[in-house]
Amino acid sequence: MAVTNEQVTGHPFLKALYRDDYYPDRVVDRGRDILLRLCERVETERPADVDALYVLTHAATEEFNTLQDAFWEAGSEIETVAREAIAEEFWFVAGAYGFPDADIEELIAPRDW
């Protein structure tokens, strides 16, 4: 299923990471794909409340946990700049789908980066 939310389709996910050569585009692409899959799941499953949204964002966060290894293998890591950029994208997704009051820390609670 393709994402249909116009805010999302026009959004340049992880733009700050693409602009910085420290983060390899091929790995950032995988992060962008995680976020797009999250959006697809939100559109498909239509979480009824913020707690249901957290279930989806936690699963996506776990995917980013796994992606950390790819960053390391490429001579990079999910450090301060990347952590902030990724967290902001989760918050963007929450707002784009009608959850502007979602807690940013709870959106990414299972992170290990």
Protein backbone atom coordinates (compact mmCIF):
# COMPACT_ATOMS: atom_id res chain seq x y z
CA MET A 1 0.00 0.00 0.00
CA ALA A 2 1.29 3.46 -0.84
CA VAL A 3 1.10 6.27 1.65
CA THR A 4 -1.76 8.66 0.85
CA ASN A 5 -1.42 11.33 3.56
CA GLU A 6 -0.40 14.49 1.66
CA GLN A 7 1.66 15.82 4.57
CA VAL A 8 3.68 12.62 4.51
CA THR A 9 4.05 12.23 0.74
CA GLY A 10 5.52 15.73 0.50
CA HIS A 11 7.81 15.38 3.51
CA PRO A 12 11.57 14.94 3.04
CA PHE A 13 12.23 12.33 5.75
CA LEU A 14 15.66 12.51 7.42
CA LYS A 15 16.72 15.50 5.33
CA ALA A 16 19.40 16.53 7.84
CA LEU A 17 21.03 13.12 7.61
CA TYR A 18 21.07 13.16 3.83
CA ARG A 19 22.83 16.54 3.90
CA ASP A 20 25.63 15.25 6.11
CA ASP A 21 28.25 12.97 4.51
CA TYR A 22 28.81 11.28 7.88
CA TYR A 23 25.60 9.34 7.30
CA PRO A 24 25.75 7.06 4.24
CA ASP A 25 22.75 7.60 1.99
CA ARG A 26 22.22 3.86 1.54
CA VAL A 27 21.77 3.46 5.30
CA VAL A 28 19.68 6.62 5.65
CA ASP A 29 17.49 5.23 2.85
CA ARG A 30 16.76 2.25 5.07
CA GLY A 31 15.76 4.61 7.89
CA ARG A 32 13.48 6.52 5.55
CA ASP A 33 11.91 3.22 4.51
CA ILE A 34 11.25 2.35 8.17
CA LEU A 35 9.40 5.64 8.59
CA LEU A 36 7.40 5.13 5.41
CA ARG A 37 6.42 1.61 6.52
CA LEU A 38 5.31 3.14 9.83
CA CYS A 39 3.10 5.55 7.90
CA GLU A 40 1.66 2.69 5.85
CA ARG A 41 0.86 0.80 9.05
CA VAL A 42 -0.80 3.86 10.59
CA GLU A 43 -2.94 4.29 7.48
CA THR A 44 -3.81 0.60 7.33
CA GLU A 45 -4.40 -0.05 11.03
CA ARG A 46 -5.81 3.38 11.90
CA PRO A 47 -4.89 3.43 15.60
CA ALA A 48 -7.87 4.51 17.70
CA ASP A 49 -5.82 6.31 20.32
CA VAL A 50 -2.30 7.36 21.16
CA ASP A 51 -1.60 4.10 23.00
CA ALA A 52 -2.35 2.16 19.82
CA LEU A 53 -0.06 4.54 17.92
CA TYR A 54 2.72 3.85 20.43
CA VAL A 55 2.50 0.13 19.60
CA LEU A 56 3.25 0.97 15.97
CA THR A 57 5.99 3.50 16.71
CA HIS A 58 7.67 1.11 19.14
CA ALA A 59 7.88 -1.53 16.41
CA ALA A 60 9.46 1.03 14.06
CA THR A 61 11.85 2.11 16.81
CA GLU A 62 12.97 -1.50 17.18
CA GLU A 63 13.76 -1.49 13.46
CA PHE A 64 15.96 1.58 14.00
CA ASN A 65 17.66 -0.27 16.86
CA THR A 66 18.61 -2.96 14.36
CA LEU A 67 19.67 -0.36 11.79
CA GLN A 68 22.28 0.91 14.23
CA ASP A 69 24.51 -2.02 13.18
CA ALA A 70 24.36 -0.90 9.53
CA PHE A 71 25.46 2.59 10.54
CA TRP A 72 28.40 1.14 12.49
CA GLU A 73 29.41 -1.10 9.60
CA ALA A 74 29.43 1.98 7.35
CA GLY A 75 31.67 3.92 9.74
CA SER A 76 28.84 6.00 11.17
CA GLU A 77 26.44 5.80 14.08
CA ILE A 78 23.15 7.07 15.38
CA GLU A 79 24.60 9.82 17.55
CA THR A 80 23.18 13.13 18.80
CA VAL A 81 22.31 14.70 15.45
CA ALA A 82 20.79 11.49 14.10
CA ARG A 83 18.92 10.76 17.35
CA GLU A 84 17.29 14.18 17.24
CA ALA A 85 16.46 13.92 13.53
CA ILE A 86 14.91 10.48 13.91
CA ALA A 87 12.91 11.48 17.01
CA GLU A 88 11.58 14.55 15.20
CA GLU A 89 10.42 12.36 12.32
CA PHE A 90 8.46 10.13 14.69
CA TRP A 91 6.86 13.25 16.15
CA PHE A 92 6.08 14.51 12.64
CA VAL A 93 4.36 11.21 11.80
CA ALA A 94 2.28 11.38 14.98
CA GLY A 95 1.13 14.89 14.15
CA ALA A 96 0.45 14.10 10.50
CA TYR A 97 -1.95 11.36 11.56
CA GLY A 98 -3.85 13.33 14.16
CA PHE A 99 -1.85 12.71 17.33
CA PRO A 100 -0.23 16.11 17.99
CA ASP A 101 -0.16 15.48 21.73
CA ALA A 102 1.83 12.26 21.50
CA ASP A 103 4.81 12.23 23.82
CA ILE A 104 7.98 12.24 21.74
CA GLU A 105 9.88 10.16 24.29
CA GLU A 106 7.12 7.59 24.45
CA LEU A 107 6.96 7.39 20.64
CA ILE A 108 10.54 6.06 20.66
CA ALA A 109 10.62 4.53 24.14
CA PRO A 110 12.35 1.23 23.23
CA ARG A 111 15.26 2.97 21.48
CA ASP A 112 18.81 1.97 22.29
CA TRP A 113 20.45 4.75 20.30
